[in-house]
C-alpha cells in the first residue's frame, strides 16, 4: 500500500540540479475550459493535456505492481524454505509416534488372533472364518485317493 501512495516529489524538489523541467513533468495542467478559471491549474498527476494518463504513469504503475508481485513471491519462497528446513514434528516425537503405531498394530493383531481362536473352539465360526490349515503333501499322486 505504501508503494502506491509513496511520492518522491518532495525529495526531488530539494535537489537544485533536478528542478529543471520538474514542474512541467510532474504536474498536470487542467485547461481553463475544465476549471472555469483564466489561468491553467496545475495538480499532481501524470496526465496529458486532454486529461488522460500519460505513458510515464502506466510505466510507473507497472513497475510498482511488479515490485509488489516479486516481493510477495520472495516472501512466499522464504516461508516455503523455512517450512522445508524446519520440521513440524521433531525427530524424537516422530520416533515415539512410530513406536506407538507399531505397538498398537501388534495389540490389534494379537486381539484378532485371540478372537479367532475363541470362535474356532466354541464352534461359532463360519467356514469362511475358519483358520486355514495347510493341505497335506503327498509323495505321489496315487496316495491322494
Protein backbone atom coordinates (compact mmCIF):
# COMPACT_ATOMS: atom_id res chain seq x y z
CA UNK A 1 0.00 0.00 0.00
CA UNK A 2 2.81 2.37 0.84
CA UNK A 3 4.42 1.74 -2.53
CA UNK A 4 1.40 3.04 -4.42
CA UNK A 5 0.91 6.06 -2.19
CA UNK A 6 4.59 6.97 -1.88
CA UNK A 7 5.57 10.02 -3.84
CA UNK A 8 9.18 11.10 -4.13
CA UNK A 9 8.45 14.58 -5.43
CA UNK A 10 9.43 16.24 -2.16
CA UNK A 11 12.83 14.54 -2.21
CA UNK A 12 13.44 15.52 -5.80
CA UNK A 13 12.35 19.12 -5.20
CA UNK A 14 15.09 19.58 -2.58
CA UNK A 15 17.83 18.98 -5.11
CA UNK A 16 18.63 22.08 -7.14
CA UNK A 17 20.12 20.23 -10.12
CA UNK A 18 16.95 18.20 -10.69
CA UNK A 19 14.50 21.10 -10.75
CA UNK A 20 14.85 21.93 -14.41
CA UNK A 21 11.62 20.74 -16.04
CA UNK A 22 10.31 19.35 -12.76
CA UNK A 23 7.11 21.36 -12.73
CA UNK A 24 6.24 20.62 -16.33
CA UNK A 25 6.98 16.92 -15.91
CA UNK A 26 5.33 16.11 -12.59
CA UNK A 27 2.33 18.41 -12.51
CA UNK A 28 -0.56 18.02 -14.90
CA UNK A 29 -2.37 21.01 -16.32
CA UNK A 30 -6.11 21.46 -16.17
CA UNK A 31 -7.14 23.70 -19.02
CA UNK A 32 -9.13 26.88 -18.32
CA UNK A 33 -12.14 25.25 -20.03
CA UNK A 34 -12.14 22.48 -17.39
CA UNK A 35 -11.77 24.74 -14.37
CA UNK A 36 -13.53 27.92 -15.49
CA UNK A 37 -10.50 29.96 -14.39
CA UNK A 38 -8.46 32.31 -16.55
CA UNK A 39 -5.15 30.58 -15.86
CA UNK A 40 -4.37 26.88 -16.15
CA UNK A 41 -4.50 24.94 -12.90
CA UNK A 42 -1.66 22.55 -12.05
CA UNK A 43 -2.12 19.39 -9.92
CA UNK A 44 -0.15 16.28 -9.07
CA UNK A 45 -0.74 13.71 -11.76
CA UNK A 46 0.92 12.23 -14.78
CA UNK A 47 -1.66 13.25 -17.38
CA UNK A 48 -1.59 14.71 -20.86
CA UNK A 49 -3.36 18.00 -21.76
CA UNK A 50 -6.59 16.09 -22.57
CA UNK A 51 -6.69 14.64 -19.03
CA UNK A 52 -5.71 11.04 -19.92
CA UNK A 53 -2.90 9.26 -18.11
CA UNK A 54 0.39 9.58 -19.96
CA UNK A 55 2.88 6.81 -20.74
CA UNK A 56 5.05 7.56 -17.68
CA UNK A 57 2.07 6.95 -15.36
CA UNK A 58 1.49 3.49 -16.85
CA UNK A 59 5.20 2.61 -16.69
CA UNK A 60 5.38 3.75 -13.07
CA UNK A 61 2.24 1.78 -12.15
CA UNK A 62 3.63 -1.31 -13.90
CA UNK A 63 6.93 -1.07 -12.03
CA UNK A 64 5.13 -0.65 -8.71
CA UNK A 65 2.86 -3.64 -9.41
CA UNK A 66 5.83 -5.79 -10.47
CA UNK A 67 7.63 -4.85 -7.27
CA UNK A 68 4.63 -5.95 -5.18
CA UNK A 69 4.34 -9.26 -7.05
CA UNK A 70 8.08 -10.01 -6.86
CA UNK A 71 8.23 -9.07 -3.16
CA UNK A 72 5.22 -11.30 -2.44
CA UNK A 73 6.85 -14.24 -4.26
CA UNK A 74 10.11 -13.72 -2.37
CA UNK A 75 8.23 -13.77 0.94
CA UNK A 76 6.35 -16.94 -0.09
CA UNK A 77 9.64 -18.56 -1.14
CA UNK A 78 11.28 -17.77 2.19
CA UNK A 79 8.26 -19.15 4.06
CA UNK A 80 8.40 -22.34 1.96
CA UNK A 81 12.13 -22.76 2.65
CA UNK A 82 11.53 -22.33 6.36
CA UNK A 83 8.75 -24.91 6.14
CA UNK A 84 11.08 -27.36 4.35
CA UNK A 85 14.06 -26.97 6.66
CA UNK A 86 12.24 -26.78 9.99
CA UNK A 87 10.04 -29.85 10.54
CA UNK A 88 6.65 -29.59 12.18
CA UNK A 89 7.38 -32.61 14.40
CA UNK A 90 10.79 -33.21 15.96
CA UNK A 91 12.58 -36.49 15.33
CA UNK A 92 12.13 -37.73 18.90
CA UNK A 93 8.37 -37.10 18.80
CA UNK A 94 8.06 -38.74 15.36
CA UNK A 95 10.00 -41.77 16.62
CA UNK A 96 7.66 -42.08 19.61
CA UNK A 97 4.63 -41.84 17.31
CA UNK A 98 6.05 -44.59 15.08
CA UNK A 99 6.73 -46.82 18.08
CA UNK A 100 3.20 -46.27 19.40
CA UNK A 101 1.77 -47.17 15.97
CA UNK A 102 3.75 -50.42 15.89
CA UNK A 103 2.64 -51.32 19.42
CA UNK A 104 -0.99 -50.55 18.57
CA UNK A 105 -0.83 -52.74 15.44
CA UNK A 106 0.67 -55.61 17.44
CA UNK A 107 -2.04 -55.33 20.10
CA UNK A 108 -4.79 -55.29 17.46
CA UNK A 109 -3.22 -58.26 15.67
CA UNK A 110 -2.98 -60.25 18.94
CA UNK A 111 -6.61 -59.42 19.81
CA UNK A 112 -7.86 -60.54 16.41
CA UNK A 113 -5.94 -63.83 16.70
CA UNK A 114 -7.39 -64.46 20.19
CA UNK A 115 -10.91 -63.80 18.92
CA UNK A 116 -10.38 -66.20 16.02
CA UNK A 117 -9.18 -68.92 18.44
CA UNK A 118 -12.22 -68.38 20.69
CA UNK A 119 -14.59 -68.66 17.73
CA UNK A 120 -12.84 -71.80 16.49
CA UNK A 121 -13.03 -73.52 19.89
CA UNK A 122 -16.66 -72.61 20.53
CA UNK A 123 -17.73 -73.61 17.04
CA UNK A 124 -19.39 -70.28 16.24
CA UNK A 125 -17.11 -69.71 13.32
CA UNK A 126 -18.46 -69.93 9.80
CA UNK A 127 -16.49 -71.95 7.23
CA UNK A 128 -15.11 -68.79 5.65
CA UNK A 129 -13.83 -67.56 9.03
CA UNK A 130 -12.14 -70.85 9.93
CA UNK A 131 -8.40 -70.69 10.05
CA UNK A 132 -6.83 -72.28 7.04
CA UNK A 133 -4.75 -75.33 7.56
CA UNK A 134 -2.05 -76.49 5.28
CA UNK A 135 -3.12 -79.21 2.92
CA UNK A 136 -1.14 -82.45 3.33
CA UNK A 137 1.63 -83.03 0.89
CA UNK A 138 1.56 -86.37 -0.81
CA UNK A 139 4.63 -88.04 -2.12
CA UNK A 140 2.94 -89.41 -5.19
CA UNK A 141 -0.49 -88.72 -6.69
CA UNK A 142 -1.79 -92.27 -6.08
CA UNK A 143 -1.59 -91.71 -2.27
CA UNK A 144 -4.03 -88.78 -2.52
CA UNK A 145 -7.02 -91.01 -3.27
